[in-house]
């Protein structure tokens, strides 16, 4: 009977508690690596850019299209580091003929636009 209880406790630790602890550690590392200029998403779904980080209060000021909001660091769901200008590639331009073909498929004419 005691062996069964020990096995159940071992299964609970390695099956539930350990992965959760690893996930919490990974999230904490993500929040600690956050810096000014990073794009973030809050737990409420707000997309913003980090303006400043206050380590003493564990808060972060976010810039949302010119509106500055203060959030707790724990309210950040994900951090997307800003892309460097060299890494950002412009979208390829479409062929004008391809655009005309798409318009014909939808039944639009030049007058409807």
C-alpha atoms as a PDB file:
ATOM      1  CA  UNK A   1       0.000   0.000   0.000  1.00  0.00           C
ATOM      2  CA  UNK A   2       2.815   2.428   0.848  1.00  0.00           C
ATOM      3  CA  UNK A   3       4.568   1.633  -2.433  1.00  0.00           C
ATOM      4  CA  UNK A   4       1.422   2.578  -4.375  1.00  0.00           C
ATOM      5  CA  UNK A   5       1.206   5.933  -2.543  1.00  0.00           C
ATOM      6  CA  UNK A   6       4.882   6.677  -3.234  1.00  0.00           C
ATOM      7  CA  UNK A   7       4.404   5.817  -6.916  1.00  0.00           C
ATOM      8  CA  UNK A   8       1.326   8.064  -7.135  1.00  0.00           C
ATOM      9  CA  UNK A   9       3.223  10.955  -5.510  1.00  0.00           C
ATOM     10  CA  UNK A  10       6.161  10.394  -7.904  1.00  0.00           C
ATOM     11  CA  UNK A  11       3.827  10.392 -10.897  1.00  0.00           C
ATOM     12  CA  UNK A  12       2.144  13.616  -9.715  1.00  0.00           C
ATOM     13  CA  UNK A  13       5.502  15.344  -9.243  1.00  0.00           C
ATOM     14  CA  UNK A  14       7.033  14.343 -12.564  1.00  0.00           C
ATOM     15  CA  UNK A  15       3.767  14.518 -14.505  1.00  0.00           C
ATOM     16  CA  UNK A  16       2.337  17.778 -13.233  1.00  0.00           C
ATOM     17  CA  UNK A  17       4.481  19.850 -10.898  1.00  0.00           C
ATOM     18  CA  UNK A  18       7.821  19.642 -12.693  1.00  0.00           C
ATOM     19  CA  UNK A  19       6.548  20.732 -16.159  1.00  0.00           C
ATOM     20  CA  UNK A  20       4.621  23.587 -14.549  1.00  0.00           C
ATOM     21  CA  UNK A  21       7.752  24.724 -12.722  1.00  0.00           C
ATOM     22  CA  UNK A  22       9.731  24.670 -16.005  1.00  0.00           C
ATOM     23  CA  UNK A  23       7.005  26.682 -17.731  1.00  0.00           C
ATOM     24  CA  UNK A  24       7.018  29.284 -14.942  1.00  0.00           C
ATOM     25  CA  UNK A  25      10.802  29.554 -15.139  1.00  0.00           C
ATOM     26  CA  UNK A  26      10.665  30.053 -18.930  1.00  0.00           C
ATOM     27  CA  UNK A  27       8.010  32.783 -18.523  1.00  0.00           C
ATOM     28  CA  UNK A  28      10.094  34.532 -15.854  1.00  0.00           C
ATOM     29  CA  UNK A  29      13.141  34.478 -18.152  1.00  0.00           C
ATOM     30  CA  UNK A  30      11.023  35.998 -20.950  1.00  0.00           C
ATOM     31  CA  UNK A  31       9.841  38.812 -18.653  1.00  0.00           C
ATOM     32  CA  UNK A  32      13.363  39.456 -17.365  1.00  0.00           C
ATOM     33  CA  UNK A  33      14.711  39.659 -20.942  1.00  0.00           C
ATOM     34  CA  UNK A  34      12.090  42.255 -21.909  1.00  0.00           C
ATOM     35  CA  UNK A  35      13.607  45.618 -22.885  1.00  0.00           C
ATOM     36  CA  UNK A  36      12.545  49.004 -24.202  1.00  0.00           C
ATOM     37  CA  UNK A  37      11.233  48.847 -27.768  1.00  0.00           C
ATOM     38  CA  UNK A  38      10.007  45.235 -27.601  1.00  0.00           C
ATOM     39  CA  UNK A  39       6.539  44.513 -28.918  1.00  0.00           C
ATOM     40  CA  UNK A  40       4.353  42.833 -26.297  1.00  0.00           C
ATOM     41  CA  UNK A  41       0.866  41.400 -25.928  1.00  0.00           C
ATOM     42  CA  UNK A  42      -0.893  41.675 -22.562  1.00  0.00           C
ATOM     43  CA  UNK A  43      -3.132  39.002 -21.060  1.00  0.00           C
ATOM     44  CA  UNK A  44      -6.080  41.158 -22.136  1.00  0.00           C
ATOM     45  CA  UNK A  45      -4.948  41.045 -25.773  1.00  0.00           C
ATOM     46  CA  UNK A  46      -3.578  44.609 -25.961  1.00  0.00           C
ATOM     47  CA  UNK A  47      -0.705  44.937 -28.465  1.00  0.00           C
ATOM     48  CA  UNK A  48       1.840  47.588 -27.477  1.00  0.00           C
ATOM     49  CA  UNK A  49       5.495  48.620 -27.415  1.00  0.00           C
ATOM     50  CA  UNK A  50       7.531  48.765 -24.192  1.00  0.00           C
ATOM     51  CA  UNK A  51       8.400  52.364 -23.316  1.00  0.00           C
ATOM     52  CA  UNK A  52      10.066  51.841 -19.927  1.00  0.00           C
ATOM     53  CA  UNK A  53      10.512  49.169 -17.261  1.00  0.00           C
ATOM     54  CA  UNK A  54      10.476  49.837 -13.508  1.00  0.00           C
ATOM     55  CA  UNK A  55      12.258  46.956 -11.751  1.00  0.00           C
ATOM     56  CA  UNK A  56      11.579  48.340  -8.255  1.00  0.00           C
ATOM     57  CA  UNK A  57       7.779  48.333  -8.698  1.00  0.00           C
ATOM     58  CA  UNK A  58       7.714  45.413 -11.162  1.00  0.00           C
ATOM     59  CA  UNK A  59       5.771  47.545 -13.648  1.00  0.00           C
ATOM     60  CA  UNK A  60       6.148  48.316 -17.324  1.00  0.00           C
ATOM     61  CA  UNK A  61       4.973  51.395 -19.252  1.00  0.00           C
ATOM     62  CA  UNK A  62       3.500  50.547 -22.637  1.00  0.00           C
ATOM     63  CA  UNK A  63       3.064  52.831 -25.648  1.00  0.00           C
ATOM     64  CA  UNK A  64      -0.201  52.098 -27.446  1.00  0.00           C
ATOM     65  CA  UNK A  65      -0.296  54.466 -30.428  1.00  0.00           C
ATOM     66  CA  UNK A  66       0.728  57.461 -28.321  1.00  0.00           C
ATOM     67  CA  UNK A  67      -1.243  56.480 -25.216  1.00  0.00           C
ATOM     68  CA  UNK A  68       1.038  55.465 -22.337  1.00  0.00           C
ATOM     69  CA  UNK A  69      -0.294  52.841 -19.926  1.00  0.00           C
ATOM     70  CA  UNK A  70       1.321  51.273 -16.858  1.00  0.00           C
ATOM     71  CA  UNK A  71       0.920  47.527 -16.330  1.00  0.00           C
ATOM     72  CA  UNK A  72       2.250  44.978 -13.905  1.00  0.00           C
ATOM     73  CA  UNK A  73       5.015  42.868 -15.465  1.00  0.00           C
ATOM     74  CA  UNK A  74       2.959  39.741 -14.786  1.00  0.00           C
ATOM     75  CA  UNK A  75       0.218  41.032 -17.107  1.00  0.00           C
ATOM     76  CA  UNK A  76       2.474  40.530 -20.155  1.00  0.00           C
ATOM     77  CA  UNK A  77       1.524  37.357 -22.061  1.00  0.00           C
ATOM     78  CA  UNK A  78       4.205  37.367 -24.753  1.00  0.00           C
ATOM     79  CA  UNK A  79       7.209  39.408 -25.836  1.00  0.00           C
ATOM     80  CA  UNK A  80       8.166  39.772 -29.495  1.00  0.00           C
ATOM     81  CA  UNK A  81      11.543  41.397 -29.896  1.00  0.00           C
ATOM     82  CA  UNK A  82      11.683  44.174 -32.441  1.00  0.00           C
ATOM     83  CA  UNK A  83      13.061  43.169 -35.810  1.00  0.00           C
ATOM     84  CA  UNK A  84      16.181  44.899 -37.032  1.00  0.00           C
ATOM     85  CA  UNK A  85      15.742  46.999 -40.192  1.00  0.00           C
ATOM     86  CA  UNK A  86      18.164  44.757 -42.097  1.00  0.00           C
ATOM     87  CA  UNK A  87      16.161  41.661 -41.177  1.00  0.00           C
ATOM     88  CA  UNK A  88      12.837  43.192 -42.221  1.00  0.00           C
ATOM     89  CA  UNK A  89      12.064  42.422 -45.836  1.00  0.00           C
ATOM     90  CA  UNK A  90       9.586  44.443 -47.861  1.00  0.00           C
ATOM     91  CA  UNK A  91       6.544  42.627 -49.153  1.00  0.00           C
ATOM     92  CA  UNK A  92       6.927  41.527 -52.765  1.00  0.00           C
ATOM     93  CA  UNK A  93       4.973  43.622 -55.244  1.00  0.00           C
ATOM     94  CA  UNK A  94       2.126  41.960 -57.076  1.00  0.00           C
ATOM     95  CA  UNK A  95       1.952  41.819 -60.804  1.00  0.00           C
ATOM     96  CA  UNK A  96      -0.578  44.265 -62.231  1.00  0.00           C
ATOM     97  CA  UNK A  97      -1.871  41.535 -64.499  1.00  0.00           C
ATOM     98  CA  UNK A  98      -2.379  39.247 -61.510  1.00  0.00           C
ATOM     99  CA  UNK A  99      -4.460  41.971 -59.827  1.00  0.00           C
ATOM    100  CA  UNK A 100      -6.624  42.347 -62.952  1.00  0.00           C
ATOM    101  CA  UNK A 101      -7.176  38.580 -63.100  1.00  0.00           C
ATOM    102  CA  UNK A 102      -8.254  38.506 -59.452  1.00  0.00           C
ATOM    103  CA  UNK A 103     -10.744  41.322 -60.022  1.00  0.00           C
ATOM    104  CA  UNK A 104     -12.273  39.451 -62.966  1.00  0.00           C
ATOM    105  CA  UNK A 105     -12.700  36.317 -60.857  1.00  0.00           C
ATOM    106  CA  UNK A 106     -14.674  38.223 -58.243  1.00  0.00           C
ATOM    107  CA  UNK A 107     -16.968  39.841 -60.785  1.00  0.00           C
ATOM    108  CA  UNK A 108     -15.773  43.381 -60.104  1.00  0.00           C
ATOM    109  CA  UNK A 109     -15.311  45.918 -62.833  1.00  0.00           C
ATOM    110  CA  UNK A 110     -13.144  48.998 -62.838  1.00  0.00           C
ATOM    111  CA  UNK A 111     -16.243  51.166 -62.255  1.00  0.00           C
ATOM    112  CA  UNK A 112     -17.140  49.304 -59.025  1.00  0.00           C
ATOM    113  CA  UNK A 113     -13.856  50.200 -57.384  1.00  0.00           C
END
